[in-house]
Amino acid sequence: MKIKSIETFTTRNLSFVRVTSEDGLQGYGQIAPYHANISALVLHQQIAPHALGADCDAIEVLTATCIREEHKFPGSYICRAVGGLDTALWDLKGKRLGKSVCELVGGKPRQVEVYGSSMKRDISPEDEAERIKRLQDTYGYGAFKIRIASNFGNDVDVYPGRSEQVVKAVRKAIGDNTPLYVDANSGLTPRKAIETGRMLAQYGVCHFEEPCPYTELEWTKQVADALDIPVTGGEQDTDLAQFRRMINMRAVDIVQPDICYVGGFSRALEVAKMAAAVGMTCTPHAANLSMLTIFTLHMVAAIPNAGTHMEYTIEQDVWTNNLFMEPLEVRDGKVQVPEGAGWGVTIRPDWLASADYQISE
């Protein structure tokens, strides 16, 4: 069955992709959030010419072809656009076969344990601790992640001492037995990252994410080699060759591809397989409640080397409100993988009707 048309429904932050096959069956996917209107243009102008008329079921081959054919434009926008196509084709395949995407890759829909992921640095340690404790009591989260350092801060904290203050406050609030993750978002040089990692160890932190600028694999490896705390990274990366280097040189202890950033479900699975081959855990990045979280639920329920907890944002972003007819819910610290065919969710028709529309056919 061939691809007949590719449609996008787009706002500045978000773009859903609908692929229709020759027989009229449709699958839905999503481009990575933020500046999604630009990525949608890339999809129609650069990716659609390679995809129209292609075999709907040869997803991995088509994804690789699109990346190869647009080799003069490597990086984020091409991968974001390809990811929208790829995820729509997985939905289409699942619907055609009457199976969830999770089942298509060897898993089964189940409840997934999630960690509550804070996206804030503009919050006092006391307020962060208070809201995290409230969420723990209300929804039963079994783990949390908080932000330390400053995004690409070059060793400059939000204000002097904040990193240790927020870690100390949150640890006290959630107790000693709740896993605590931290994310530095490329904020530190190796020397400062190692110093910070030793501080984190005193508070029982079990996950030190992106301590150094993500492009500097050698810097991150220095930190991973020096610390007992697992060092993690990979969310920003789009090149499978870079992931191969990262994994083979053990720059990180845990690899974190983002399904929408890396170019779709197919390419994220490739990263997970690379990691599994060397005994490394793969804990995908999933920092918003768009379809990204739904894709990630299916992935972690299927791969053998998923982490104990999956990322699940605790922020209530206006642009992700009321996207789906079947909203996700956290109960006892777990979220159910949607059980319907494909991704198992329906995008609200009123959202689609209000978005900017474009078609390639």
Protein backbone atom coordinates (compact mmCIF):
# COMPACT_ATOMS: atom_id res chain seq x y z
CA MET A 1 0.00 0.00 0.00
CA LYS A 2 1.40 3.39 -1.03
CA ILE A 3 1.36 6.80 0.64
CA LYS A 4 -1.26 8.95 -1.07
CA SER A 5 -1.09 12.18 0.94
CA ILE A 6 0.63 13.88 3.86
CA GLU A 7 -1.26 16.54 5.83
CA THR A 8 -0.23 18.78 8.70
CA PHE A 9 -2.28 20.61 11.33
CA THR A 10 -0.01 23.21 12.83
CA THR A 11 0.43 25.93 15.43
CA ARG A 12 3.73 27.54 16.31
CA ASN A 13 4.30 25.02 19.09
CA LEU A 14 2.77 21.87 17.69
CA SER A 15 2.14 20.07 14.41
CA PHE A 16 0.20 16.84 13.96
CA VAL A 17 0.80 14.83 10.80
CA ARG A 18 -1.81 12.72 9.02
CA VAL A 19 -0.75 10.18 6.41
CA THR A 20 -3.35 8.61 4.11
CA SER A 21 -2.71 5.43 2.15
CA GLU A 22 -4.19 4.47 -1.21
CA ASP A 23 -7.10 2.64 0.41
CA GLY A 24 -8.06 5.66 2.55
CA LEU A 25 -6.69 4.42 5.89
CA GLN A 26 -5.14 7.20 7.97
CA GLY A 27 -2.44 7.37 10.61
CA TYR A 28 -1.50 10.26 12.89
CA GLY A 29 1.92 11.32 14.12
CA GLN A 30 3.57 14.46 15.42
CA ILE A 31 6.49 16.74 14.69
CA ALA A 32 8.63 17.77 17.66
CA PRO A 33 7.16 20.69 19.63
CA TYR A 34 8.35 24.31 19.42
CA HIS A 35 8.77 26.14 16.10
CA ALA A 36 6.71 23.29 14.69
CA ASN A 37 5.46 25.56 11.92
CA ILE A 38 9.00 25.64 10.50
CA SER A 39 9.35 21.87 10.75
CA ALA A 40 5.99 21.44 8.98
CA LEU A 41 7.29 23.48 6.06
CA VAL A 42 10.39 21.26 5.94
CA LEU A 43 8.14 18.19 5.90
CA HIS A 44 6.11 19.39 2.91
CA GLN A 45 8.99 20.93 0.97
CA GLN A 46 11.84 18.49 1.58
CA ILE A 47 10.46 15.23 2.96
CA ALA A 48 7.12 14.75 1.19
CA PRO A 49 8.73 14.43 -2.28
CA HIS A 50 10.61 11.34 -1.06
CA ALA A 51 7.61 9.87 0.76
CA LEU A 52 4.64 10.25 -1.58
CA GLY A 53 4.09 6.98 -3.44
CA ALA A 54 6.40 5.06 -1.07
CA ASP A 55 5.44 1.80 0.65
CA CYS A 56 3.53 2.56 3.87
CA ASP A 57 4.91 -0.51 5.63
CA ALA A 58 8.60 0.04 4.84
CA ILE A 59 8.87 2.63 7.61
CA GLU A 60 12.48 2.17 8.63
CA VAL A 61 13.64 2.13 4.99
CA LEU A 62 11.70 5.30 4.16
CA THR A 63 12.95 7.12 7.26
CA ALA A 64 16.54 6.27 6.40
CA THR A 65 15.98 7.29 2.77
CA CYS A 66 14.64 10.71 3.74
CA ILE A 67 17.63 11.38 6.02
CA ARG A 68 20.07 10.21 3.35
CA GLU A 69 18.49 12.16 0.50
CA GLU A 70 18.53 15.36 2.55
CA HIS A 71 22.14 14.84 3.68
CA LYS A 72 23.06 18.41 2.79
CA PHE A 73 20.67 19.55 5.54
CA PRO A 74 21.62 17.41 8.54
CA GLY A 75 20.27 18.07 11.97
CA SER A 76 17.25 19.07 13.91
CA TYR A 77 14.68 20.38 11.42
CA ILE A 78 15.06 17.48 8.99
CA CYS A 79 14.86 14.96 11.83
CA ARG A 80 11.83 16.69 13.37
CA ALA A 81 10.03 16.61 10.03
CA VAL A 82 10.95 12.98 9.38
CA GLY A 83 9.78 12.12 12.89
CA GLY A 84 6.32 13.44 12.08
CA LEU A 85 6.10 11.19 9.03
CA ASP A 86 7.59 8.17 10.79
CA THR A 87 5.25 8.31 13.78
CA ALA A 88 2.19 8.70 11.53
CA LEU A 89 3.23 5.61 9.56
CA TRP A 90 3.55 3.55 12.75
CA ASP A 91 0.00 4.57 13.68
CA LEU A 92 -1.17 3.61 10.20
CA LYS A 93 0.53 0.22 10.40
CA GLY A 94 -0.98 -0.50 13.80
CA LYS A 95 -4.46 0.39 12.59
CA ARG A 96 -4.07 -1.78 9.50
CA LEU A 97 -3.05 -4.78 11.60
CA GLY A 98 -5.38 -4.06 14.52
CA LYS A 99 -2.50 -3.85 16.99
CA SER A 100 -0.97 -1.19 19.20
CA VAL A 101 2.42 0.14 18.16
CA CYS A 102 3.77 -1.37 21.36
CA GLU A 103 2.66 -4.82 20.17
CA LEU A 104 4.16 -4.28 16.72
CA VAL A 105 7.63 -4.08 18.30
CA GLY A 106 7.29 -6.96 20.73
CA GLY A 107 5.67 -5.41 23.79
CA LYS A 108 2.16 -5.22 25.17
CA PRO A 109 0.19 -2.31 26.62
CA ARG A 110 0.74 -2.14 30.36
CA GLN A 111 1.14 0.32 33.18
CA VAL A 112 4.45 2.15 33.14
CA GLU A 113 6.05 3.63 36.25
CA VAL A 114 6.83 7.31 35.73
CA TYR A 115 8.95 9.91 37.45
CA GLY A 116 7.55 13.39 37.97
CA SER A 117 9.76 15.71 35.94
CA SER A 118 10.09 19.37 36.88
CA MET A 119 10.94 21.80 34.08
CA LYS A 120 11.45 24.83 36.34
CA ARG A 121 14.46 26.76 37.50
CA ASP A 122 12.56 29.95 38.26
CA ILE A 123 11.15 28.46 41.45
CA SER A 124 12.50 28.64 44.98
CA PRO A 125 13.83 25.45 46.55
CA GLU A 126 11.08 25.66 49.18
CA ASP A 127 8.30 25.99 46.60
CA GLU A 128 9.75 23.21 44.47
CA ALA A 129 9.92 20.89 47.46
CA GLU A 130 6.37 21.77 48.50
CA ARG A 131 4.79 21.10 45.10
CA ILE A 132 6.74 17.88 44.57
CA LYS A 133 5.68 16.56 47.95
CA ARG A 134 2.07 17.45 47.12
CA LEU A 135 2.27 15.57 43.83
CA GLN A 136 3.85 12.59 45.56
CA ASP A 137 0.99 12.44 48.04
CA THR A 138 -1.71 13.01 45.40
CA TYR A 139 -0.55 10.86 42.50
CA GLY A 140 1.87 8.44 44.10
CA TYR A 141 4.89 9.29 41.98
CA GLY A 142 7.69 6.88 42.84
CA ALA A 143 10.52 9.17 41.68
CA PHE A 144 11.18 12.79 40.68
CA LYS A 145 13.58 14.85 38.59
CA ILE A 146 14.54 18.45 39.29
CA ARG A 147 16.66 21.08 37.54
CA ILE A 148 20.03 22.19 38.82
CA ALA A 149 22.76 24.48 37.42
CA SER A 150 21.66 26.78 34.58
CA ASN A 151 20.89 25.82 30.99
CA PHE A 152 24.23 26.13 29.13
CA GLY A 153 25.34 28.20 32.10
CA ASN A 154 29.09 27.54 31.95
CA ASP A 155 29.25 26.90 35.72
CA VAL A 156 26.95 29.83 36.55
CA ASP A 157 24.07 28.72 38.77
CA VAL A 158 20.67 30.43 38.71
CA TYR A 159 22.01 32.10 41.83
CA PRO A 160 24.93 31.03 44.02
CA GLY A 161 24.11 27.90 46.00
CA ARG A 162 20.73 27.15 44.42
CA SER A 163 21.66 23.70 43.09
CA GLU A 164 22.48 22.26 46.49
CA GLN A 165 19.62 24.12 48.15
CA VAL A 166 16.98 22.65 45.84
CA VAL A 167 18.41 19.14 46.02
CA LYS A 168 18.52 19.30 49.82
CA ALA A 169 14.97 20.67 50.09
CA VAL A 170 13.44 18.15 47.71
CA ARG A 171 15.29 15.22 49.27
CA LYS A 172 13.98 16.19 52.69
CA ALA A 173 10.43 16.49 51.33
CA ILE A 174 10.25 13.16 49.49
CA GLY A 175 12.25 11.07 51.93
CA ASP A 176 15.41 9.03 51.57
CA ASN A 177 13.81 6.09 49.71
CA THR A 178 12.36 7.97 46.72
CA PRO A 179 14.71 8.01 43.70
CA LEU A 180 15.81 11.56 42.88
CA TYR A 181 17.09 12.54 39.44
CA VAL A 182 18.70 15.85 38.49
CA ASP A 183 19.20 17.57 35.13
CA ALA A 184 21.91 20.17 34.52
CA ASN A 185 20.94 20.86 30.89
CA SER A 186 24.52 21.26 29.61
CA GLY A 187 25.28 23.71 32.39
CA LEU A 188 28.72 22.70 33.65
CA THR A 189 32.36 22.21 32.73
CA PRO A 190 33.91 18.84 33.67
CA ARG A 191 35.61 20.17 36.81
CA LYS A 192 32.42 21.75 38.14
CA ALA A 193 30.28 18.80 37.04
CA ILE A 194 32.47 16.35 38.97
CA GLU A 195 32.36 18.59 42.03
CA THR A 196 28.58 18.85 41.70
CA GLY A 197 28.22 15.11 41.20
CA ARG A 198 30.01 14.44 44.47
CA MET A 199 27.62 16.84 46.20
CA LEU A 200 24.66 15.03 44.62
CA ALA A 201 25.94 11.70 45.91
CA GLN A 202 25.60 12.99 49.46
CA TYR A 203 21.85 13.36 48.87
CA GLY A 204 21.39 9.96 47.24
CA VAL A 205 20.81 11.29 43.72
CA CYS A 206 20.69 8.39 41.24
CA HIS A 207 20.71 10.12 37.83
CA PHE A 208 22.86 13.06 36.69
CA GLU A 209 21.56 14.26 33.33
CA GLU A 210 23.50 16.20 30.71
CA PRO A 211 26.11 17.64 33.09
CA CYS A 212 28.21 19.18 30.29
CA PRO A 213 27.37 20.79 26.93
CA TYR A 214 25.89 17.90 24.98
CA THR A 215 28.18 18.36 21.98
CA GLU A 216 31.25 17.77 24.17
CA LEU A 217 31.20 13.99 24.49
CA GLU A 218 34.75 13.89 25.84
CA TRP A 219 33.78 16.30 28.63
CA THR A 220 30.79 14.18 29.57
CA LYS A 221 32.92 11.04 29.55
CA GLN A 222 35.32 12.66 32.01
CA VAL A 223 32.40 13.17 34.37
CA ALA A 224 30.98 9.67 33.86
CA ASP A 225 34.40 8.13 34.51
CA ALA A 226 34.91 10.15 37.70
CA LEU A 227 31.54 9.57 39.36
CA ASP A 228 29.63 6.61 40.76
CA ILE A 229 26.28 8.32 40.02
CA PRO A 230 24.99 7.29 36.56
CA VAL A 231 25.54 10.08 34.04
CA THR A 232 22.91 10.35 31.32
CA GLY A 233 22.43 12.20 28.05
CA GLY A 234 21.39 12.16 24.42
CA GLU A 235 18.12 14.08 24.33
CA GLN A 236 19.47 16.78 22.01
CA ASP A 237 21.23 14.48 19.57
CA THR A 238 19.85 13.68 16.12
CA ASP A 239 22.67 11.80 14.38
CA LEU A 240 22.74 8.02 14.82
CA ALA A 241 26.51 8.06 14.26
CA GLN A 242 26.86 10.42 17.22
CA PHE A 243 24.76 8.08 19.35
CA ARG A 244 27.02 5.22 18.28
CA ARG A 245 30.08 7.16 19.40
CA MET A 246 28.40 8.20 22.65
CA ILE A 247 27.47 4.62 23.50
CA ASN A 248 30.67 2.90 22.37
CA MET A 249 32.95 5.37 24.17
CA ARG A 250 30.73 5.20 27.28
CA ALA A 251 30.36 8.94 27.41
CA VAL A 252 27.15 8.25 29.33
CA ASP A 253 25.88 5.43 31.50
CA ILE A 254 22.27 5.83 30.33
CA VAL A 255 21.23 7.03 26.88
CA GLN A 256 18.17 9.29 26.39
CA PRO A 257 16.95 9.73 22.80
CA ASP A 258 13.92 11.95 22.24
CA ILE A 259 11.61 10.23 19.74
CA CYS A 260 10.53 13.48 18.11
CA TYR A 261 13.99 15.06 18.02
CA VAL A 262 15.91 12.03 16.73
CA GLY A 263 13.67 11.45 13.72
CA GLY A 264 10.85 9.25 14.93
CA PHE A 265 10.03 5.98 16.59
CA SER A 266 12.14 3.91 14.18
CA ARG A 267 15.35 5.83 14.85
CA ALA A 268 14.75 5.93 18.63
CA LEU A 269 14.42 2.13 18.56
CA GLU A 270 17.76 1.98 16.74
CA VAL A 271 19.38 3.92 19.57
CA ALA A 272 17.81 1.57 22.12
CA LYS A 273 19.21 -1.42 20.20
CA MET A 274 22.70 0.11 20.13
CA ALA A 275 22.52 0.60 23.88
CA ALA A 276 21.17 -2.90 24.53
CA ALA A 277 24.06 -4.40 22.57
CA VAL A 278 26.51 -3.07 25.18
CA GLY A 279 24.27 -3.60 28.20
CA MET A 280 23.28 0.06 28.54
CA THR A 281 19.92 1.36 29.76
CA CYS A 282 17.81 3.54 27.44
CA THR A 283 15.50 6.02 29.18
CA PRO A 284 13.93 8.21 26.45
CA HIS A 285 13.48 11.94 26.94
CA ALA A 286 9.79 12.94 27.11
CA ALA A 287 9.42 16.46 28.45
CA ASN A 288 5.87 17.45 27.47
CA LEU A 289 2.37 15.96 27.31
CA SER A 290 1.98 16.02 23.53
CA MET A 291 2.02 12.80 21.50
CA LEU A 292 5.69 12.53 22.50
CA THR A 293 4.67 11.05 25.84
CA ILE A 294 2.34 8.58 24.10
CA PHE A 295 5.09 7.48 21.71
CA THR A 296 7.46 7.06 24.65
CA LEU A 297 4.99 4.97 26.65
CA HIS A 298 4.77 2.52 23.75
CA MET A 299 8.55 2.43 23.41
CA VAL A 300 9.45 1.80 27.04
CA ALA A 301 6.77 -0.91 27.31
CA ALA A 302 8.47 -2.76 24.45
CA ILE A 303 12.25 -2.36 24.72
CA PRO A 304 14.17 -4.73 27.03
CA ASN A 305 16.57 -2.07 28.37
CA ALA A 306 14.15 0.63 29.51
CA GLY A 307 14.85 2.33 32.82
CA THR A 308 12.86 1.76 35.98
CA HIS A 309 10.84 4.97 35.50
CA MET A 310 9.80 6.95 32.43
CA GLU A 311 9.88 10.74 32.32
CA TYR A 312 6.49 12.44 32.78
CA THR A 313 6.30 16.21 33.11
CA ILE A 314 4.59 17.75 36.11
CA GLU A 315 4.07 21.06 34.28
CA GLN A 316 0.64 22.05 32.97
CA ASP A 317 1.46 23.66 29.63
CA VAL A 318 -1.48 25.48 28.08
CA TRP A 319 -0.57 24.28 24.58
CA THR A 320 -0.93 20.61 25.57
CA ASN A 321 -4.33 20.97 27.24
CA ASN A 322 -7.21 18.98 25.76
CA LEU A 323 -5.29 17.50 22.86
CA PHE A 324 -6.75 13.99 23.04
CA MET A 325 -10.13 12.37 23.48
CA GLU A 326 -8.47 9.84 25.81
CA PRO A 327 -6.40 11.87 28.30
CA LEU A 328 -3.51 10.26 30.13
CA GLU A 329 -3.75 9.87 33.90
CA VAL A 330 -1.18 9.21 36.61
CA ARG A 331 -2.46 6.71 39.19
CA ASP A 332 -0.24 5.34 41.94
CA GLY A 333 2.75 6.66 40.04
CA LYS A 334 1.89 4.78 36.85
CA VAL A 335 0.44 5.61 33.43
CA GLN A 336 -1.32 3.10 31.21
CA VAL A 337 -0.06 2.60 27.66
CA PRO A 338 -3.06 3.29 25.38
CA GLU A 339 -4.50 -0.06 24.30
CA GLY A 340 -6.19 0.79 20.99
CA ALA A 341 -4.76 0.13 17.53
CA GLY A 342 -1.80 2.29 16.53
CA TRP A 343 -0.98 4.87 19.18
CA GLY A 344 -4.41 4.30 20.74
CA VAL A 345 -5.41 7.95 21.00
CA THR A 346 -7.66 10.30 19.04
CA ILE A 347 -6.67 13.93 18.53
CA ARG A 348 -9.58 16.22 19.30
CA PRO A 349 -11.32 17.21 16.04
CA ASP A 350 -11.83 20.79 17.26
CA TRP A 351 -8.07 21.19 17.77
CA LEU A 352 -7.37 19.97 14.25
CA ALA A 353 -10.07 22.25 12.82
CA SER A 354 -8.52 25.31 14.48
CA ALA A 355 -4.94 24.65 13.27
CA ASP A 356 -3.23 25.83 10.09
CA TYR A 357 -3.69 23.17 7.40
CA GLN A 358 -1.43 22.03 4.58
CA ILE A 359 -1.44 18.98 2.29
CA SER A 360 1.06 17.30 -0.03
CA GLU A 361 -0.29 14.73 -2.48
